Amino acid sequence: MKETKNTSRTRAQESSAAIEKMYITMRHLFNRGFYKPMGISGDTLREALLTLRPEIYGNIADEKVELKGLLYVIERLPVGIEECRFINLTSDEGYSKSHFQPIIPPKRRRNCYRIDEEQMNVEITRGRSDIYDILTHLTFIFIESHKIKDRVLLDDGGEVSRDWLKLEQAVLKNEKLSLIEKEIAISHAANILARTFEDVLEIYDDFASVDVPDRFLHIIFWLGKLAIEEVMGNNKRTITFSPILRERLGHHMHGEIWATNIKEVLKENQLLDRPIHIISANMHSVMNSIFAKNVLKTALKGKSDFDIYGELSKSSANEIRNSVKEVALQQGMIFLPETVGTNIDVQIFDTAKIDWSTTSFPNANFGDQKPVLIVMDYAFGEQAYETVDELLKPYKKNIFLNVESVSIMGKAGILEGEKGDIMIPNAHINEGTADNYFFENELTPEMFQGNNIAVFSGSMVTVLGTSLQNRDLLKFFHDSTWSVIGLEMEGSHYQKAIQSASKIRKSIPKDVKVRYAYYASDNPLETGSTLASGGLGTTGVKPTYLITIKILEQIFNIS
């Protein structure tokens, strides 16, 4: 007799299916044009997120309100969005020319506009990944808002708990609370959130702003208030997608303008026919790696190179940062601030104008044609394909760029190791699709040995969103023959653009060199080390600059 095969799904399979369901649902809702997150149209999205239970959202499936996840999300959404019943996702439709003041979230660069008391407009200029990111975060905070509603609404008649009345009284006071008033309000809020007084007190000030020191109470109150009104008055919160956004999305409009601007500047400076090296990094590490040591040798005398980079990374270091930037501008750096909605600034370095004897790379070795470095700020998810695909296209259809290398330095979640470690990938796996990209990485783990930083090598998974990952799925990727060492959002999109340009469209040399290296911003498999647990702080300085220096040494032919 044959043994019955077990056909039940594993948690990893359930999670994978939930991510796919969310992906399909979000695209459907976008095409539809609007939906009500806590209504029937939002059911699938909510159910999938609750099935997935991403690590970043902590206790989303529990009765108690998730505080660290809420902080992570609030820092990436515009101030005041918790008060808005109508959230309108738009393209860049001219609001910057109006009286509306842009609201930019502290941890996510996107322009948002408060239209009136009930409506918040959020500009989407970085592609579909931006939409997935926002919809996932909004679904999370709406689920949490209904947890608050369930705790304070006592009956069908609308009677609310005493804790809620006291919280409302504290919030509507509209002035800074005294220590006693604050602790009384925290006590009532803790009961509402099913958390301890200590839990709330510990995270309270992380929500605060200069203008609203008691913002935590404000957020909890408004989330609960709108959830109560949804149930009692059927005033459903609604998310809409503007017709212009639906028309423009997917057509590389912002990426094309951005890339054309860069090529125009190259032409103006007679750099179009020179060897080009593209680096995706931040706006400080390449510039500082080249110039900072010499510029600051007096001001920061006696400090090691990495100590100097650490000083430059401090929020109070504007003066010394500007002194390095000033020297870079004098020696041929061109800075192109973002103006078209991509949120990607660019620096162009003409190596022919640099006095290499005064830099950290006096042995830089170039041929007859001195190369040009194009340093682009981090892209976001699928935007990596849009921007690099456009950048690698010929200028005016017939002037091909001589791109010798494309180097990607980024942040990623690590699946073995800890924050600050380095990952050197040899392949990118696009989660949820059959798209897998193997490549010859010019960077190797051996190059990074001897720096007291752990280095890992293997494949990496490019995910739909870092907020959609859970332990079971990531453990499968790590433990199975995929042997995944980390997760990020852009790798396969970069490689897709590079491969199509070099191997199919032949708009850049087919032997273009690629370099990928990531430093670990979090470990989603390790409790307390997810993105919601806080940033890297100074831990990220050394791996950031170590990767940058290794990339530059190869470009500058320093063995």
Protein backbone atom coordinates (compact mmCIF):
# COMPACT_ATOMS: atom_id res chain seq x y z
CA MET A 1 0.00 0.00 0.00
CA LYS A 2 1.38 3.39 -0.99
CA GLU A 3 2.05 5.85 1.77
CA THR A 4 -0.07 8.99 1.47
CA LYS A 5 2.09 11.93 0.48
CA ASN A 6 1.93 14.99 2.73
CA THR A 7 0.51 17.79 0.57
CA SER A 8 0.23 20.48 3.23
CA ARG A 9 2.13 23.68 2.55
CA THR A 10 5.13 24.82 4.56
CA ARG A 11 5.22 28.29 6.10
CA ALA A 12 7.77 29.30 3.45
CA GLN A 13 5.35 28.22 0.69
CA GLU A 14 2.45 30.04 2.37
CA SER A 15 4.61 33.15 2.66
CA SER A 16 5.71 32.98 -0.97
CA ALA A 17 2.07 32.64 -2.06
CA ALA A 18 1.08 35.60 0.15
CA ILE A 19 3.75 37.82 -1.44
CA GLU A 20 2.58 36.82 -4.92
CA LYS A 21 -1.03 37.51 -3.94
CA MET A 22 -0.10 40.96 -2.61
CA TYR A 23 1.87 41.75 -5.77
CA ILE A 24 -1.03 40.79 -8.05
CA THR A 25 -3.61 42.51 -5.84
CA MET A 26 -1.71 45.80 -5.69
CA ARG A 27 -1.38 45.88 -9.48
CA HIS A 28 -5.11 45.12 -9.82
CA LEU A 29 -6.09 47.89 -7.40
CA PHE A 30 -3.79 50.33 -9.21
CA ASN A 31 -5.44 49.51 -12.55
CA ARG A 32 -8.86 49.88 -10.92
CA GLY A 33 -7.97 53.39 -9.75
CA PHE A 34 -9.10 53.32 -6.13
CA TYR A 35 -9.92 51.05 -3.20
CA LYS A 36 -10.96 51.12 0.45
CA PRO A 37 -8.22 49.44 2.51
CA MET A 38 -10.53 48.32 5.33
CA GLY A 39 -13.43 47.50 3.01
CA ILE A 40 -14.12 44.49 0.82
CA SER A 41 -11.67 45.71 -1.85
CA GLY A 42 -8.84 45.70 0.70
CA ASP A 43 -9.62 42.23 2.10
CA THR A 44 -7.09 40.35 -0.02
CA LEU A 45 -4.28 42.75 0.81
CA ARG A 46 -4.99 42.59 4.55
CA GLU A 47 -5.35 38.83 4.60
CA ALA A 48 -2.13 38.32 2.64
CA LEU A 49 -0.18 40.64 4.96
CA LEU A 50 -1.55 38.87 8.04
CA THR A 51 -0.65 35.50 6.51
CA LEU A 52 2.83 36.73 5.68
CA ARG A 53 3.48 38.38 9.06
CA PRO A 54 6.67 40.18 7.91
CA GLU A 55 9.47 40.47 10.46
CA ILE A 56 9.54 44.24 10.10
CA TYR A 57 5.91 44.49 11.27
CA GLY A 58 6.52 42.42 14.39
CA ASN A 59 3.28 41.57 16.18
CA ILE A 60 0.93 42.50 13.33
CA ALA A 61 -1.09 39.28 13.81
CA ASP A 62 -1.40 39.71 17.61
CA GLU A 63 -3.98 41.64 19.59
CA LYS A 64 -1.44 44.12 20.93
CA VAL A 65 -0.37 47.06 18.79
CA GLU A 66 3.09 46.73 17.23
CA LEU A 67 5.18 49.74 18.31
CA LYS A 68 8.57 49.32 16.58
CA GLY A 69 6.88 48.46 13.30
CA LEU A 70 4.64 51.51 13.69
CA LEU A 71 7.69 53.75 14.22
CA TYR A 72 9.42 52.29 11.15
CA VAL A 73 6.35 53.00 9.00
CA ILE A 74 5.58 56.46 10.40
CA GLU A 75 9.14 57.60 9.60
CA ARG A 76 8.51 56.68 5.96
CA LEU A 77 5.10 58.35 5.59
CA PRO A 78 4.31 62.09 5.61
CA VAL A 79 3.55 63.86 8.88
CA GLY A 80 -0.21 64.08 9.33
CA ILE A 81 -1.18 61.11 7.17
CA GLU A 82 -2.78 59.43 10.18
CA GLU A 83 -5.41 62.23 10.17
CA CYS A 84 -6.33 61.77 6.50
CA ARG A 85 -9.29 59.74 5.29
CA PHE A 86 -8.35 60.21 1.63
CA ILE A 87 -4.87 59.36 0.35
CA ASN A 88 -4.23 60.18 -3.30
CA LEU A 89 -1.17 58.74 -5.06
CA THR A 90 -0.18 61.05 -7.92
CA SER A 91 2.55 61.58 -10.47
CA ASP A 92 4.51 64.86 -10.49
CA GLU A 93 1.51 66.99 -11.47
CA GLY A 94 2.68 70.51 -10.68
CA TYR A 95 1.99 70.83 -6.95
CA SER A 96 5.52 72.17 -6.49
CA LYS A 97 4.33 75.31 -8.31
CA SER A 98 1.41 75.84 -5.91
CA HIS A 99 1.05 77.28 -2.40
CA PHE A 100 1.11 73.72 -0.97
CA GLN A 101 4.27 73.09 1.02
CA PRO A 102 5.94 69.71 0.35
CA ILE A 103 6.04 67.32 3.30
CA ILE A 104 9.03 64.98 3.01
CA PRO A 105 9.12 61.92 5.31
CA PRO A 106 12.36 61.74 7.34
CA LYS A 107 13.34 58.27 6.09
CA ARG A 108 11.93 58.20 2.55
CA ARG A 109 12.49 60.96 -0.01
CA ARG A 110 9.13 61.63 -1.62
CA ASN A 111 7.13 64.85 -1.93
CA CYS A 112 3.74 64.80 -0.22
CA TYR A 113 1.12 67.56 -0.01
CA ARG A 114 -1.64 68.07 2.55
CA ILE A 115 -4.52 69.25 0.36
CA ASP A 116 -7.02 69.80 3.15
CA GLU A 117 -7.94 68.35 6.54
CA GLU A 118 -8.97 65.03 5.02
CA GLN A 119 -6.66 64.52 2.03
CA MET A 120 -2.95 63.79 1.61
CA ASN A 121 -1.38 63.61 -1.86
CA VAL A 122 1.76 61.46 -2.23
CA GLU A 123 3.91 61.88 -5.34
CA ILE A 124 5.07 58.65 -6.97
CA THR A 125 8.07 59.32 -9.21
CA ARG A 126 10.22 56.24 -8.56
CA GLY A 127 8.14 53.52 -10.15
CA ARG A 128 6.06 50.60 -8.95
CA SER A 129 8.31 49.78 -5.98
CA ASP A 130 7.29 53.11 -4.46
CA ILE A 131 3.62 52.09 -4.74
CA TYR A 132 4.23 48.64 -3.23
CA ASP A 133 6.14 50.29 -0.38
CA ILE A 134 3.39 52.81 0.43
CA LEU A 135 0.45 50.42 0.09
CA THR A 136 2.11 47.86 2.34
CA HIS A 137 2.85 50.47 4.99
CA LEU A 138 -0.67 51.90 4.81
CA THR A 139 -2.22 48.43 5.08
CA PHE A 140 -0.14 47.86 8.21
CA ILE A 141 -1.14 51.09 9.97
CA PHE A 142 -4.82 50.57 9.07
CA ILE A 143 -4.72 47.06 10.56
CA GLU A 144 -3.14 48.54 13.70
CA SER A 145 -5.79 51.29 13.80
CA HIS A 146 -8.54 48.68 13.95
CA LYS A 147 -6.76 46.97 16.84
CA ILE A 148 -7.03 50.30 18.69
CA LYS A 149 -10.71 50.58 17.73
CA ASP A 150 -11.41 47.04 19.00
CA ARG A 151 -9.85 47.90 22.37
CA VAL A 152 -11.76 51.16 22.98
CA LEU A 153 -15.18 50.66 21.36
CA LEU A 154 -17.35 49.02 24.00
CA ASP A 155 -20.62 48.45 22.15
CA ASP A 156 -22.49 48.94 18.87
CA GLY A 157 -23.87 52.23 20.14
CA GLY A 158 -20.47 53.91 20.03
CA GLU A 159 -19.65 53.98 23.75
CA VAL A 160 -15.91 54.18 24.28
CA SER A 161 -13.65 53.26 27.18
CA ARG A 162 -12.48 55.66 29.86
CA ASP A 163 -8.89 55.21 28.62
CA TRP A 164 -9.93 56.54 25.22
CA LEU A 165 -11.69 59.58 26.69
CA LYS A 166 -8.59 60.42 28.73
CA LEU A 167 -6.32 60.01 25.70
CA GLU A 168 -8.61 62.25 23.66
CA GLN A 169 -8.53 64.87 26.40
CA ALA A 170 -4.69 64.86 26.43
CA VAL A 171 -4.39 65.08 22.63
CA LEU A 172 -7.00 67.81 22.11
CA LYS A 173 -5.28 69.96 24.71
CA ASN A 174 -2.95 70.95 21.84
CA GLU A 175 -0.04 71.98 24.02
CA LYS A 176 3.02 70.26 25.44
CA LEU A 177 2.14 67.99 28.34
CA SER A 178 3.84 68.30 31.70
CA LEU A 179 5.73 65.23 32.95
CA ILE A 180 2.78 64.21 35.14
CA GLU A 181 0.24 64.74 32.33
CA LYS A 182 2.47 62.82 29.91
CA GLU A 183 2.81 59.81 32.22
CA ILE A 184 -0.92 59.76 32.92
CA ALA A 185 -1.61 59.80 29.17
CA ILE A 186 0.98 57.05 28.58
CA SER A 187 -0.75 54.92 31.22
CA HIS A 188 -4.08 55.19 29.38
CA ALA A 189 -2.40 54.67 25.98
CA ALA A 190 -0.64 51.53 27.25
CA ASN A 191 -4.01 50.01 28.20
CA ILE A 192 -5.42 50.86 24.77
CA LEU A 193 -2.42 49.34 22.99
CA ALA A 194 -2.27 46.22 25.21
CA ARG A 195 1.33 47.14 26.02
CA THR A 196 3.12 47.84 29.28
CA PHE A 197 3.73 51.37 30.55
CA GLU A 198 7.46 50.69 30.08
CA ASP A 199 6.97 49.57 26.43
CA VAL A 200 5.30 52.87 25.56
CA LEU A 201 7.65 55.05 27.62
CA GLU A 202 10.68 53.47 25.93
CA ILE A 203 9.58 54.36 22.38
CA TYR A 204 7.56 57.54 23.13
CA ASP A 205 10.29 60.09 22.34
CA ASP A 206 11.28 58.32 19.10
CA PHE A 207 7.99 59.53 17.59
CA ALA A 208 8.48 63.10 18.82
CA SER A 209 9.27 66.07 16.59
CA VAL A 210 10.44 69.54 17.57
CA ASP A 211 6.97 70.96 16.93
CA VAL A 212 5.00 68.06 18.42
CA PRO A 213 6.85 66.46 21.36
CA ASP A 214 3.80 64.31 22.22
CA ARG A 215 3.29 63.08 18.65
CA PHE A 216 3.02 59.44 19.76
CA LEU A 217 -0.29 60.14 21.51
CA HIS A 218 -1.46 62.18 18.52
CA ILE A 219 -0.79 59.29 16.10
CA ILE A 220 -2.51 56.68 18.29
CA PHE A 221 -5.54 58.92 18.79
CA TRP A 222 -6.05 59.72 15.10
CA LEU A 223 -5.53 56.14 13.95
CA GLY A 224 -8.15 55.00 16.45
CA LYS A 225 -10.51 57.90 15.72
CA LEU A 226 -10.68 57.21 11.97
CA ALA A 227 -11.10 53.48 12.59
CA ILE A 228 -14.02 54.16 14.94
CA GLU A 229 -15.62 56.49 12.37
CA GLU A 230 -15.21 53.81 9.70
CA VAL A 231 -17.25 51.39 11.79
CA MET A 232 -19.78 53.75 13.35
CA GLY A 233 -20.37 56.12 10.43
CA ASN A 234 -19.26 53.98 7.49
CA ASN A 235 -16.72 56.69 6.62
CA LYS A 236 -14.22 54.41 4.94
CA ARG A 237 -10.66 55.54 4.31
CA THR A 238 -9.94 55.56 0.58
CA ILE A 239 -6.75 55.30 -1.47
CA THR A 240 -6.89 56.62 -5.04
CA PHE A 241 -4.43 56.61 -7.93
CA SER A 242 -4.56 59.70 -10.14
CA PRO A 243 -5.31 59.22 -13.86
CA ILE A 244 -1.99 60.85 -14.75
CA LEU A 245 -0.07 58.43 -12.53
CA ARG A 246 -1.82 55.45 -14.09
CA GLU A 247 -1.06 56.82 -17.55
CA ARG A 248 2.63 57.53 -16.90
CA LEU A 249 3.73 54.60 -14.75
CA GLY A 250 6.04 52.15 -16.48
CA HIS A 251 7.07 54.51 -19.28
CA HIS A 252 10.41 55.66 -17.80
CA MET A 253 9.37 59.30 -18.08
CA HIS A 254 11.36 60.50 -15.07
CA GLY A 255 14.28 58.17 -15.78
CA GLU A 256 14.57 59.33 -19.40
CA ILE A 257 14.66 63.03 -18.45
CA TRP A 258 17.17 62.29 -15.66
CA ALA A 259 19.50 60.30 -17.96
CA THR A 260 19.25 62.85 -20.80
CA ASN A 261 20.25 65.66 -18.41
CA ILE A 262 23.40 63.72 -17.46
CA LYS A 263 24.35 63.14 -21.11
CA GLU A 264 23.76 66.81 -21.93
CA VAL A 265 26.20 67.79 -19.18
CA LEU A 266 28.74 65.24 -20.47
CA LYS A 267 28.40 66.77 -23.94
CA GLU A 268 28.75 70.35 -22.67
CA ASN A 269 31.98 69.36 -20.92
CA GLN A 270 33.28 67.32 -23.89
CA LEU A 271 33.21 64.09 -21.89
CA LEU A 272 30.92 61.95 -24.05
CA ASP A 273 33.73 60.15 -25.88
CA ARG A 274 35.77 59.34 -22.77
CA PRO A 275 35.78 55.99 -20.89
CA ILE A 276 32.93 56.06 -18.37
CA HIS A 277 32.59 54.27 -15.03
CA ILE A 278 29.15 54.34 -13.41
CA ILE A 279 28.95 53.93 -9.63
CA SER A 280 25.70 53.60 -7.71
CA ALA A 281 26.50 54.70 -4.18
CA ASN A 282 25.77 57.68 -1.92
CA MET A 283 26.76 61.29 -2.43
CA HIS A 284 29.69 61.31 -0.05
CA SER A 285 31.79 58.12 -0.09
CA VAL A 286 33.45 58.51 -3.53
CA MET A 287 34.15 62.22 -3.06
CA ASN A 288 35.45 61.74 0.49
CA SER A 289 37.53 58.68 -0.41
CA ILE A 290 39.38 60.69 -3.06
CA PHE A 291 39.77 64.10 -1.40
CA ALA A 292 39.01 64.05 2.35
CA LYS A 293 42.29 62.68 3.73
CA ASN A 294 44.39 65.45 2.21
CA VAL A 295 41.86 68.26 2.77
CA LEU A 296 41.42 67.43 6.46
CA LYS A 297 45.00 66.38 7.30
CA THR A 298 45.43 69.49 9.46
CA ALA A 299 41.93 69.79 10.94
CA LEU A 300 41.84 66.09 11.89
CA LYS A 301 45.54 65.51 12.43
CA GLY A 302 46.46 62.13 13.87
CA LYS A 303 43.18 60.42 13.00
CA SER A 304 43.11 57.27 10.88
CA ASP A 305 41.38 57.26 7.48
CA PHE A 306 38.27 55.52 8.80
CA ASP A 307 38.14 57.88 11.81
CA ILE A 308 38.14 60.79 9.34
CA TYR A 309 35.26 59.20 7.41
CA GLY A 310 33.45 58.69 10.72
CA GLU A 311 33.83 62.38 11.57
CA LEU A 312 32.50 63.35 8.14
CA SER A 313 29.44 61.16 8.72
CA LYS A 314 28.35 63.04 11.84
CA SER A 315 25.28 65.25 11.45
CA SER A 316 27.18 68.19 12.95
CA ALA A 317 30.06 67.97 10.44
CA ASN A 318 28.67 70.38 7.83
CA GLU A 319 31.73 72.63 7.88
CA ILE A 320 34.32 69.93 7.14
CA ARG A 321 32.00 68.23 4.64
CA ASN A 322 31.68 71.51 2.74
CA SER A 323 35.45 71.99 2.73
CA VAL A 324 35.90 68.59 1.04
CA LYS A 325 33.12 69.35 -1.45
CA GLU A 326 34.69 72.72 -2.28
CA VAL A 327 38.01 71.08 -3.20
CA ALA A 328 36.22 68.42 -5.27
CA LEU A 329 34.36 71.12 -7.23
CA GLN A 330 37.64 72.95 -7.86
CA GLN A 331 39.13 69.74 -9.26
CA GLY A 332 36.51 68.91 -11.84
CA MET A 333 33.56 67.49 -9.92
CA ILE A 334 30.17 68.49 -11.33
CA PHE A 335 27.18 68.13 -9.02
CA LEU A 336 23.75 67.57 -10.57
CA PRO A 337 21.05 67.94 -7.92
CA GLU A 338 17.85 66.00 -8.59
CA THR A 339 15.19 68.13 -10.29
CA VAL A 340 12.93 65.74 -12.20
CA GLY A 341 11.40 63.51 -9.52
CA THR A 342 13.76 60.53 -9.46
CA ASN A 343 15.26 61.62 -6.11
CA ILE A 344 18.65 60.54 -7.47
CA ASP A 345 21.40 63.17 -7.27
CA VAL A 346 24.48 62.73 -9.46
CA GLN A 347 28.17 63.65 -9.28
CA ILE A 348 30.43 63.62 -12.35
CA PHE A 349 34.21 63.43 -11.80
CA ASP A 350 36.53 64.37 -14.66
CA THR A 351 39.70 62.53 -13.61
CA ALA A 352 41.77 64.66 -16.04
CA LYS A 353 41.19 67.69 -13.81
CA ILE A 354 42.19 66.02 -10.54
CA ASP A 355 45.65 66.60 -9.07
CA TRP A 356 46.20 62.99 -8.02
CA SER A 357 49.28 63.80 -5.94
CA THR A 358 46.96 65.58 -3.46
CA THR A 359 44.47 62.71 -3.21
CA SER A 360 44.28 59.38 -1.39
CA PHE A 361 45.17 57.68 -4.71
CA PRO A 362 48.52 59.21 -5.81
CA ASN A 363 49.29 56.02 -7.78
CA ALA A 364 46.17 56.23 -9.94
CA ASN A 365 47.17 54.86 -13.33
CA PHE A 366 45.23 55.79 -16.48
CA GLY A 367 45.92 55.44 -20.19
CA ASP A 368 45.80 58.22 -22.72
CA GLN A 369 42.10 58.80 -22.17
CA LYS A 370 41.34 59.79 -18.61
CA PRO A 371 38.06 58.22 -17.45
CA VAL A 372 34.91 59.92 -16.20
CA LEU A 373 33.13 58.75 -13.06
CA ILE A 374 29.34 59.09 -12.87
CA VAL A 375 28.22 58.58 -9.27
CA MET A 376 24.45 58.18 -8.88
CA ASP A 377 22.62 58.12 -5.56
CA TYR A 378 20.71 54.98 -4.53
CA ALA A 379 17.78 53.96 -6.72
CA PHE A 380 14.64 52.45 -5.17
CA GLY A 381 13.53 48.96 -6.25
CA GLU A 382 12.41 48.73 -9.87
CA GLN A 383 13.61 52.31 -10.38
CA ALA A 384 17.12 50.84 -10.69
CA TYR A 385 16.15 49.33 -14.05
CA GLU A 386 14.43 52.49 -15.28
CA THR A 387 17.35 54.81 -14.52
CA VAL A 388 20.27 52.60 -15.58
CA ASP A 389 18.45 51.36 -18.69
CA GLU A 390 17.97 54.98 -19.78
CA LEU A 391 21.52 55.98 -18.81
CA LEU A 392 23.08 53.20 -20.90
CA LYS A 393 21.15 54.15 -24.05
CA PRO A 394 23.01 56.12 -26.78
CA TYR A 395 22.89 59.89 -26.70
CA LYS A 396 20.54 61.09 -29.48
CA LYS A 397 20.37 57.50 -30.86
CA ASN A 398 23.80 57.47 -32.51
CA ILE A 399 26.42 58.48 -29.92
CA PHE A 400 27.23 55.37 -27.91
CA LEU A 401 28.71 55.66 -24.44
CA ASN A 402 31.99 53.90 -23.74
CA VAL A 403 30.91 52.46 -20.40
CA GLU A 404 33.80 50.38 -19.06
CA SER A 405 32.24 49.39 -15.75
CA VAL A 406 29.14 49.61 -13.59
CA SER A 407 29.67 49.32 -9.83
CA ILE A 408 26.90 48.94 -7.27
CA MET A 409 27.53 49.63 -3.59
CA GLY A 410 24.42 49.23 -1.48
CA LYS A 411 22.77 48.29 1.79
CA ALA A 412 21.14 44.89 2.20
CA GLY A 413 19.72 42.52 4.76
CA ILE A 414 22.09 39.70 5.64
CA LEU A 415 21.00 36.12 6.39
CA GLU A 416 24.18 35.01 8.16
CA GLY A 417 26.33 37.43 10.05
CA GLU A 418 25.36 40.77 11.51
CA LYS A 419 24.99 44.49 10.89
CA GLY A 420 28.06 46.01 9.25
CA ASP A 421 29.27 42.80 7.57
CA ILE A 422 29.96 42.73 3.81
CA MET A 423 28.29 40.63 1.09
CA ILE A 424 29.85 39.93 -2.33
CA PRO A 425 27.21 38.38 -4.63
CA ASN A 426 27.76 36.21 -7.70
CA ALA A 427 24.10 36.09 -8.76
CA HIS A 428 20.81 37.92 -8.23
CA ILE A 429 17.59 35.94 -7.86
CA ASN A 430 14.45 37.94 -8.60
CA GLU A 431 11.91 36.83 -6.00
CA GLY A 432 8.60 35.57 -7.36
CA THR A 433 9.79 35.28 -10.98
CA ALA A 434 12.00 32.98 -13.02
CA ASP A 435 14.48 35.82 -13.62
CA ASN A 436 17.91 34.89 -12.31
CA TYR A 437 21.09 36.77 -13.19
CA PHE A 438 24.53 35.19 -12.84
CA PHE A 439 27.53 37.48 -13.41
CA GLU A 440 31.29 37.65 -13.02
CA ASN A 441 31.84 40.02 -10.11
CA GLU A 442 35.11 41.94 -10.35
CA LEU A 443 35.09 42.19 -6.56
CA THR A 444 36.04 39.10 -4.56
CA PRO A 445 35.78 38.27 -0.84
CA GLU A 446 39.58 37.99 -0.62
CA MET A 447 39.93 41.72 -1.37
CA PHE A 448 38.20 42.56 1.90
CA GLN A 449 40.08 40.22 4.22
CA GLY A 450 42.12 41.57 7.13
CA ASN A 451 39.84 44.48 8.01
CA ASN A 452 38.03 42.91 10.99
CA ILE A 453 34.80 42.73 8.99
CA ALA A 454 33.16 39.41 8.14
CA VAL A 455 32.70 38.87 4.38
CA PHE A 456 30.15 36.52 2.79
CA SER A 457 29.88 35.37 -0.81
CA GLY A 458 26.97 33.76 -2.67
CA SER A 459 23.69 34.59 -4.38
CA MET A 460 21.37 37.38 -3.26
CA VAL A 461 17.61 37.68 -3.62
CA THR A 462 16.04 40.86 -5.00
CA VAL A 463 12.75 41.26 -3.17
CA LEU A 464 9.53 43.10 -3.94
CA GLY A 465 9.93 45.09 -0.74
CA THR A 466 11.99 44.69 2.42
CA SER A 467 8.76 45.09 4.37
CA LEU A 468 7.35 41.91 2.80
CA GLN A 469 9.85 39.39 4.11
CA ASN A 470 9.37 36.89 6.89
CA ARG A 471 11.65 34.50 8.71
CA ASP A 472 10.31 31.29 7.13
CA LEU A 473 10.74 32.43 3.54
CA LEU A 474 14.19 33.88 4.15
CA LYS A 475 15.26 30.73 6.00
CA PHE A 476 14.22 28.69 2.96
CA PHE A 477 16.29 30.88 0.64
CA HIS A 478 19.27 30.58 2.97
CA ASP A 479 19.08 26.86 3.83
CA SER A 480 18.11 25.49 0.41
CA THR A 481 20.42 25.05 -2.58
CA TRP A 482 19.75 28.70 -3.50
CA SER A 483 22.32 29.44 -0.75
CA VAL A 484 21.19 33.06 -0.50
CA ILE A 485 23.38 35.25 1.71
CA GLY A 486 21.24 38.40 1.70
CA LEU A 487 18.28 40.33 0.37
CA GLU A 488 17.94 43.73 -1.26
CA MET A 489 15.61 45.50 -3.69
CA GLU A 490 17.64 46.63 -6.71
CA GLY A 491 20.32 44.10 -7.74
CA SER A 492 18.46 42.12 -10.39
CA HIS A 493 17.00 45.35 -11.82
CA TYR A 494 20.49 46.83 -12.25
CA GLN A 495 21.77 43.62 -13.84
CA LYS A 496 18.75 43.35 -16.14
CA ALA A 497 19.56 46.83 -17.52
CA ILE A 498 23.31 46.09 -17.84
CA GLN A 499 22.80 42.75 -19.61
CA SER A 500 20.21 44.06 -22.05
CA ALA A 501 22.42 47.06 -22.93
CA SER A 502 25.65 45.04 -23.33
CA LYS A 503 24.46 41.69 -24.69
CA ILE A 504 21.29 42.46 -26.68
CA ARG A 505 21.00 46.14 -27.58
CA LYS A 506 24.81 46.51 -27.77
CA SER A 507 24.64 50.16 -26.74
CA ILE A 508 27.62 49.67 -24.40
CA PRO A 509 30.66 47.37 -24.75
CA LYS A 510 29.79 43.68 -24.35
CA ASP A 511 32.76 43.18 -21.99
CA VAL A 512 31.58 45.83 -19.51
CA LYS A 513 32.81 45.01 -16.02
CA VAL A 514 30.37 44.77 -13.11
CA ARG A 515 31.02 45.10 -9.40
CA TYR A 516 28.48 44.43 -6.66
CA ALA A 517 29.10 44.72 -2.92
CA TYR A 518 26.68 45.32 -0.07
CA TYR A 519 27.05 46.08 3.61
CA ALA A 520 24.53 44.64 6.04
CA SER A 521 21.99 47.12 7.41
CA ASP A 522 20.04 44.44 9.26
CA ASN A 523 19.59 40.71 9.82
CA PRO A 524 15.89 39.85 9.42
CA LEU A 525 16.50 36.32 10.75
CA GLU A 526 17.84 37.65 14.04
CA THR A 527 15.42 39.01 16.63
CA GLY A 528 16.27 42.62 17.47
CA SER A 529 18.31 43.13 14.30
CA THR A 530 15.59 43.87 11.74
CA LEU A 531 15.30 47.25 10.03
CA ALA A 532 12.63 48.23 12.57
CA SER A 533 15.21 47.92 15.38
CA GLY A 534 17.01 51.07 14.24
CA GLY A 535 19.73 52.24 11.88
CA LEU A 536 23.38 51.28 11.58
CA GLY A 537 24.79 54.43 13.14
CA THR A 538 28.59 54.55 12.85
CA THR A 539 28.71 50.76 12.25
CA GLY A 540 28.07 51.41 8.57
CA VAL A 541 30.95 53.85 8.06
CA LYS A 542 33.82 51.36 7.75
CA PRO A 543 32.14 48.88 5.34
CA THR A 544 30.77 51.76 3.22
CA TYR A 545 34.20 53.28 2.69
CA LEU A 546 36.01 49.96 2.43
CA ILE A 547 33.74 48.92 -0.46
CA THR A 548 34.08 52.36 -2.10
CA ILE A 549 37.88 52.26 -1.88
CA LYS A 550 38.08 48.76 -3.39
CA ILE A 551 35.87 49.86 -6.30
CA LEU A 552 38.02 52.96 -6.90
CA GLU A 553 41.30 51.00 -6.68
CA GLN A 554 40.10 48.79 -9.55
CA ILE A 555 38.94 51.75 -11.65
CA PHE A 556 42.23 53.57 -10.94
CA ASN A 557 44.28 50.43 -11.76
CA ILE A 558 45.92 50.29 -8.35
CA SER A 559 47.04 46.73 -7.57
